[in-house]
Amino acid sequence: MDVLIRRISPPSGTLSVPADKAICHRAVFAAALASGETEIRPWPSAQDCQRTLHIMTQLGIAVSRQADAVRIQGQPAGDSFRVPAAALDCGESATTMRLGAGVLAGVPL
C-alpha cells in the first residue's frame, strides 16, 4: 500500500468552544506548543485550570492573566521550555498530570 502524506498549513483563526474545565487544560497545552500568542476566553476559575497555568509558567511559558481570559505565548514544539526550578505540582488535577506528562515526554528538556 502506498501512502502519500502532504504537509498542510498550520491552523489559525478563532475557535469557539464551551467554557469547560476539561477543554481549558487542552487549550493551554496546545497554546504552549503553538507559535505566537493565544488568548483563551472565558477562562474558568477552577483550581485545576490554575494548576495547569502554574505549571506552564514553571516551564518558562509566558502567561498573562486578565479578568476573564489568559494569554499564552507559545513556543513551537516546546523548544523554549526550561527545566523547572522545583517539582511540578499538579495538586489534585489528574488532567494536568496526564496531559502534562504526555506533552513533556516529547519536549527536549
N, C-alpha and C. Protein backbone atom coordinates (compact mmCIF):
# COMPACT_ATOMS: atom_id res chain seq x y z
N MET A 1 0.84 -1.17 0.00
CA MET A 1 0.00 0.00 0.00
C MET A 1 0.89 1.24 0.00
N ASP A 2 0.60 2.17 -0.87
CA ASP A 2 1.31 3.43 -0.94
C ASP A 2 0.53 4.49 -0.18
N VAL A 3 1.26 5.31 0.56
CA VAL A 3 0.63 6.38 1.32
C VAL A 3 1.34 7.67 0.95
N LEU A 4 0.56 8.69 0.66
CA LEU A 4 1.11 10.00 0.35
C LEU A 4 0.72 10.95 1.47
N ILE A 5 1.71 11.53 2.11
CA ILE A 5 1.47 12.46 3.20
C ILE A 5 1.91 13.83 2.75
N ARG A 6 1.01 14.77 2.82
CA ARG A 6 1.31 16.14 2.42
C ARG A 6 1.27 17.05 3.63
N ARG A 7 2.19 17.98 3.63
CA ARG A 7 2.22 18.97 4.70
C ARG A 7 1.07 19.96 4.49
N ILE A 8 0.41 20.33 5.58
CA ILE A 8 -0.67 21.31 5.49
C ILE A 8 -0.26 22.57 6.23
N SER A 9 -0.97 23.64 5.96
CA SER A 9 -0.72 24.90 6.66
C SER A 9 -1.16 24.76 8.11
N PRO A 10 -0.45 25.40 9.03
CA PRO A 10 -0.87 25.33 10.43
C PRO A 10 -2.20 26.05 10.61
N PRO A 11 -3.00 25.58 11.56
CA PRO A 11 -4.28 26.24 11.79
C PRO A 11 -4.10 27.63 12.37
N SER A 12 -5.02 28.51 12.06
CA SER A 12 -5.01 29.84 12.64
C SER A 12 -6.45 30.35 12.65
N GLY A 13 -6.69 31.37 13.43
CA GLY A 13 -8.02 31.94 13.47
C GLY A 13 -8.62 31.84 14.86
N THR A 14 -9.94 31.84 14.91
CA THR A 14 -10.68 31.82 16.17
C THR A 14 -11.49 30.54 16.25
N LEU A 15 -11.47 29.95 17.41
CA LEU A 15 -12.23 28.74 17.66
C LEU A 15 -13.08 28.98 18.90
N SER A 16 -14.37 28.75 18.78
CA SER A 16 -15.28 28.94 19.92
C SER A 16 -15.73 27.59 20.44
N VAL A 17 -15.47 27.36 21.71
CA VAL A 17 -15.89 26.12 22.37
C VAL A 17 -16.50 26.52 23.72
N PRO A 18 -17.27 25.62 24.33
CA PRO A 18 -17.86 25.96 25.63
C PRO A 18 -16.77 26.17 26.69
N ALA A 19 -17.07 27.04 27.64
CA ALA A 19 -16.17 27.24 28.78
C ALA A 19 -16.26 25.98 29.63
N ASP A 20 -15.22 25.20 29.61
CA ASP A 20 -15.25 23.90 30.27
C ASP A 20 -13.88 23.61 30.85
N LYS A 21 -13.86 23.06 32.04
CA LYS A 21 -12.61 22.77 32.72
C LYS A 21 -11.73 21.81 31.92
N ALA A 22 -12.30 20.77 31.36
CA ALA A 22 -11.52 19.79 30.60
C ALA A 22 -10.92 20.42 29.34
N ILE A 23 -11.66 21.30 28.71
CA ILE A 23 -11.18 21.94 27.48
C ILE A 23 -10.08 22.95 27.80
N CYS A 24 -10.17 23.63 28.94
CA CYS A 24 -9.16 24.65 29.25
C CYS A 24 -7.77 24.05 29.35
N HIS A 25 -7.64 22.87 29.95
CA HIS A 25 -6.33 22.22 30.05
C HIS A 25 -5.75 21.99 28.66
N ARG A 26 -6.54 21.42 27.80
CA ARG A 26 -6.09 21.11 26.44
C ARG A 26 -5.73 22.37 25.67
N ALA A 27 -6.51 23.41 25.87
CA ALA A 27 -6.24 24.68 25.19
C ALA A 27 -4.90 25.26 25.65
N VAL A 28 -4.60 25.16 26.93
CA VAL A 28 -3.34 25.68 27.46
C VAL A 28 -2.15 24.92 26.88
N PHE A 29 -2.22 23.60 26.88
CA PHE A 29 -1.10 22.82 26.34
C PHE A 29 -0.94 23.05 24.85
N ALA A 30 -2.04 23.13 24.12
CA ALA A 30 -1.97 23.40 22.68
C ALA A 30 -1.37 24.78 22.43
N ALA A 31 -1.80 25.77 23.21
CA ALA A 31 -1.28 27.13 23.06
C ALA A 31 0.21 27.21 23.38
N ALA A 32 0.65 26.46 24.38
CA ALA A 32 2.06 26.47 24.77
C ALA A 32 2.94 25.90 23.66
N LEU A 33 2.40 24.98 22.88
CA LEU A 33 3.17 24.35 21.81
C LEU A 33 3.00 25.03 20.46
N ALA A 34 2.13 26.03 20.40
CA ALA A 34 1.85 26.74 19.14
C ALA A 34 2.80 27.92 18.97
N SER A 35 2.88 28.42 17.76
CA SER A 35 3.65 29.64 17.50
C SER A 35 2.78 30.85 17.82
N GLY A 36 3.35 31.84 18.46
CA GLY A 36 2.64 33.08 18.68
C GLY A 36 1.78 33.07 19.93
N GLU A 37 0.94 34.09 20.01
CA GLU A 37 0.12 34.29 21.21
C GLU A 37 -1.29 33.71 21.00
N THR A 38 -1.78 33.08 22.05
CA THR A 38 -3.14 32.53 22.05
C THR A 38 -3.89 33.13 23.23
N GLU A 39 -5.10 33.57 22.97
CA GLU A 39 -5.96 34.06 24.04
C GLU A 39 -7.06 33.04 24.27
N ILE A 40 -7.25 32.69 25.53
CA ILE A 40 -8.31 31.75 25.92
C ILE A 40 -9.31 32.53 26.75
N ARG A 41 -10.54 32.59 26.23
CA ARG A 41 -11.60 33.38 26.86
C ARG A 41 -12.93 32.69 26.64
N PRO A 42 -13.78 32.52 27.61
CA PRO A 42 -13.63 32.85 29.02
C PRO A 42 -12.73 31.83 29.70
N TRP A 43 -12.05 32.28 30.72
CA TRP A 43 -11.14 31.41 31.46
C TRP A 43 -11.83 30.93 32.73
N PRO A 44 -11.97 29.61 32.92
CA PRO A 44 -12.61 29.10 34.14
C PRO A 44 -11.77 29.41 35.38
N SER A 45 -12.43 29.60 36.51
CA SER A 45 -11.71 29.90 37.74
C SER A 45 -11.36 28.64 38.53
N ALA A 46 -11.64 27.47 37.99
CA ALA A 46 -11.40 26.21 38.70
C ALA A 46 -9.92 26.06 39.08
N GLN A 47 -9.67 25.52 40.25
CA GLN A 47 -8.31 25.33 40.75
C GLN A 47 -7.48 24.45 39.81
N ASP A 48 -8.11 23.43 39.22
CA ASP A 48 -7.39 22.55 38.29
C ASP A 48 -6.81 23.36 37.13
N CYS A 49 -7.58 24.28 36.60
CA CYS A 49 -7.11 25.10 35.48
C CYS A 49 -5.96 26.00 35.90
N GLN A 50 -6.02 26.50 37.13
CA GLN A 50 -4.94 27.35 37.64
C GLN A 50 -3.65 26.54 37.78
N ARG A 51 -3.75 25.28 38.14
CA ARG A 51 -2.57 24.40 38.26
C ARG A 51 -1.88 24.26 36.91
N THR A 52 -2.68 24.07 35.87
CA THR A 52 -2.11 23.92 34.53
C THR A 52 -1.36 25.19 34.14
N LEU A 53 -1.94 26.35 34.41
CA LEU A 53 -1.26 27.61 34.10
C LEU A 53 0.03 27.75 34.90
N HIS A 54 -0.01 27.38 36.18
CA HIS A 54 1.18 27.49 37.03
C HIS A 54 2.31 26.61 36.49
N ILE A 55 1.98 25.41 36.06
CA ILE A 55 2.99 24.52 35.50
C ILE A 55 3.61 25.12 34.24
N MET A 56 2.79 25.75 33.43
CA MET A 56 3.31 26.39 32.21
C MET A 56 4.31 27.49 32.57
N THR A 57 4.00 28.28 33.59
CA THR A 57 4.93 29.34 33.98
C THR A 57 6.22 28.74 34.54
N GLN A 58 6.13 27.62 35.27
CA GLN A 58 7.33 26.96 35.77
C GLN A 58 8.20 26.45 34.63
N LEU A 59 7.59 26.14 33.51
CA LEU A 59 8.32 25.64 32.34
C LEU A 59 8.82 26.78 31.45
N GLY A 60 8.58 28.02 31.88
CA GLY A 60 9.10 29.17 31.14
C GLY A 60 8.17 29.73 30.09
N ILE A 61 6.93 29.30 30.07
CA ILE A 61 5.96 29.82 29.11
C ILE A 61 5.36 31.11 29.67
N ALA A 62 5.35 32.16 28.87
CA ALA A 62 4.80 33.44 29.31
C ALA A 62 3.28 33.36 29.33
N VAL A 63 2.71 33.63 30.51
CA VAL A 63 1.26 33.61 30.70
C VAL A 63 0.86 34.94 31.32
N SER A 64 -0.12 35.60 30.72
CA SER A 64 -0.66 36.81 31.33
C SER A 64 -2.15 36.60 31.56
N ARG A 65 -2.60 37.08 32.70
CA ARG A 65 -3.99 36.87 33.08
C ARG A 65 -4.75 38.18 33.03
N GLN A 66 -5.99 38.08 32.58
CA GLN A 66 -6.91 39.20 32.61
C GLN A 66 -8.11 38.75 33.43
N ALA A 67 -9.10 39.60 33.59
CA ALA A 67 -10.25 39.26 34.43
C ALA A 67 -10.91 37.94 34.01
N ASP A 68 -11.15 37.76 32.73
CA ASP A 68 -11.86 36.55 32.29
C ASP A 68 -11.12 35.82 31.17
N ALA A 69 -9.83 36.08 31.05
CA ALA A 69 -9.07 35.47 29.95
C ALA A 69 -7.61 35.28 30.36
N VAL A 70 -6.92 34.43 29.61
CA VAL A 70 -5.47 34.29 29.74
C VAL A 70 -4.86 34.38 28.35
N ARG A 71 -3.65 34.87 28.30
CA ARG A 71 -2.88 34.91 27.05
C ARG A 71 -1.62 34.09 27.28
N ILE A 72 -1.34 33.25 26.29
CA ILE A 72 -0.18 32.36 26.39
C ILE A 72 0.69 32.59 25.17
N GLN A 73 1.98 32.82 25.42
CA GLN A 73 2.94 32.99 24.33
C GLN A 73 3.56 31.63 24.05
N GLY A 74 3.17 31.02 22.95
CA GLY A 74 3.61 29.67 22.63
C GLY A 74 5.04 29.55 22.18
N GLN A 75 5.56 28.36 22.33
CA GLN A 75 6.91 28.01 21.90
C GLN A 75 6.80 26.75 21.05
N PRO A 76 6.91 26.85 19.75
CA PRO A 76 6.70 25.69 18.87
C PRO A 76 7.49 24.47 19.33
N ALA A 77 6.81 23.36 19.43
CA ALA A 77 7.40 22.07 19.80
C ALA A 77 8.08 22.10 21.17
N GLY A 78 7.75 23.08 21.98
CA GLY A 78 8.33 23.15 23.31
C GLY A 78 9.80 23.51 23.30
N ASP A 79 10.28 24.12 22.20
CA ASP A 79 11.70 24.42 22.07
C ASP A 79 12.25 25.30 23.18
N SER A 80 11.42 26.15 23.74
CA SER A 80 11.92 27.06 24.76
C SER A 80 11.45 26.70 26.16
N PHE A 81 10.91 25.52 26.33
CA PHE A 81 10.57 25.09 27.68
C PHE A 81 11.88 25.02 28.47
N ARG A 82 11.82 25.40 29.72
CA ARG A 82 13.03 25.31 30.54
C ARG A 82 12.80 24.28 31.64
N VAL A 83 13.87 23.77 32.15
CA VAL A 83 13.79 22.82 33.26
C VAL A 83 13.31 23.59 34.47
N PRO A 84 12.23 23.13 35.12
CA PRO A 84 11.70 23.88 36.27
C PRO A 84 12.65 23.84 37.46
N ALA A 85 12.63 24.91 38.25
CA ALA A 85 13.49 25.00 39.42
C ALA A 85 13.00 24.11 40.56
N ALA A 86 11.72 23.77 40.54
CA ALA A 86 11.13 22.93 41.58
C ALA A 86 10.24 21.88 40.93
N ALA A 87 9.80 20.92 41.72
CA ALA A 87 8.92 19.88 41.20
C ALA A 87 7.62 20.50 40.69
N LEU A 88 7.10 19.95 39.60
CA LEU A 88 5.83 20.41 39.06
C LEU A 88 4.71 19.80 39.92
N ASP A 89 3.95 20.65 40.57
CA ASP A 89 2.90 20.19 41.48
C ASP A 89 1.55 20.35 40.80
N CYS A 90 0.93 19.23 40.47
CA CYS A 90 -0.38 19.24 39.81
C CYS A 90 -1.53 19.33 40.79
N GLY A 91 -1.23 19.36 42.08
CA GLY A 91 -2.29 19.40 43.07
C GLY A 91 -3.18 18.18 42.92
N GLU A 92 -4.47 18.40 42.89
CA GLU A 92 -5.41 17.30 42.73
C GLU A 92 -5.91 17.19 41.29
N SER A 93 -5.22 17.84 40.36
CA SER A 93 -5.65 17.84 38.97
C SER A 93 -5.02 16.68 38.20
N ALA A 94 -5.76 15.60 38.09
CA ALA A 94 -5.27 14.45 37.33
C ALA A 94 -5.14 14.78 35.85
N THR A 95 -6.00 15.65 35.35
CA THR A 95 -5.92 16.03 33.93
C THR A 95 -4.63 16.78 33.67
N THR A 96 -4.24 17.67 34.56
CA THR A 96 -2.97 18.39 34.41
C THR A 96 -1.82 17.39 34.37
N MET A 97 -1.86 16.41 35.25
CA MET A 97 -0.79 15.43 35.31
C MET A 97 -0.73 14.58 34.03
N ARG A 98 -1.88 14.05 33.61
CA ARG A 98 -1.90 13.18 32.43
C ARG A 98 -1.47 13.92 31.17
N LEU A 99 -2.08 15.07 30.93
CA LEU A 99 -1.75 15.82 29.72
C LEU A 99 -0.33 16.38 29.79
N GLY A 100 0.05 16.87 30.97
CA GLY A 100 1.39 17.41 31.13
C GLY A 100 2.46 16.37 30.90
N ALA A 101 2.25 15.16 31.42
CA ALA A 101 3.23 14.08 31.22
C ALA A 101 3.37 13.76 29.74
N GLY A 102 2.23 13.74 29.04
CA GLY A 102 2.28 13.46 27.60
C GLY A 102 3.01 14.52 26.82
N VAL A 103 2.76 15.78 27.13
CA VAL A 103 3.42 16.88 26.44
C VAL A 103 4.92 16.88 26.75
N LEU A 104 5.26 16.75 28.03
CA LEU A 104 6.66 16.80 28.41
C LEU A 104 7.48 15.61 27.93
N ALA A 105 6.81 14.49 27.67
CA ALA A 105 7.53 13.32 27.15
C ALA A 105 8.14 13.60 25.79
N GLY A 106 7.54 14.53 25.05
CA GLY A 106 8.05 14.85 23.72
C GLY A 106 8.83 16.14 23.62
N VAL A 107 9.17 16.72 24.76
CA VAL A 107 9.87 18.01 24.77
C VAL A 107 11.32 17.80 25.14
N PRO A 108 12.23 18.43 24.42
CA PRO A 108 13.66 18.27 24.72
C PRO A 108 14.09 19.06 25.96
N LEU A 109 13.91 18.48 27.13
CA LEU A 109 14.34 19.14 28.38
C LEU A 109 15.61 18.48 28.88
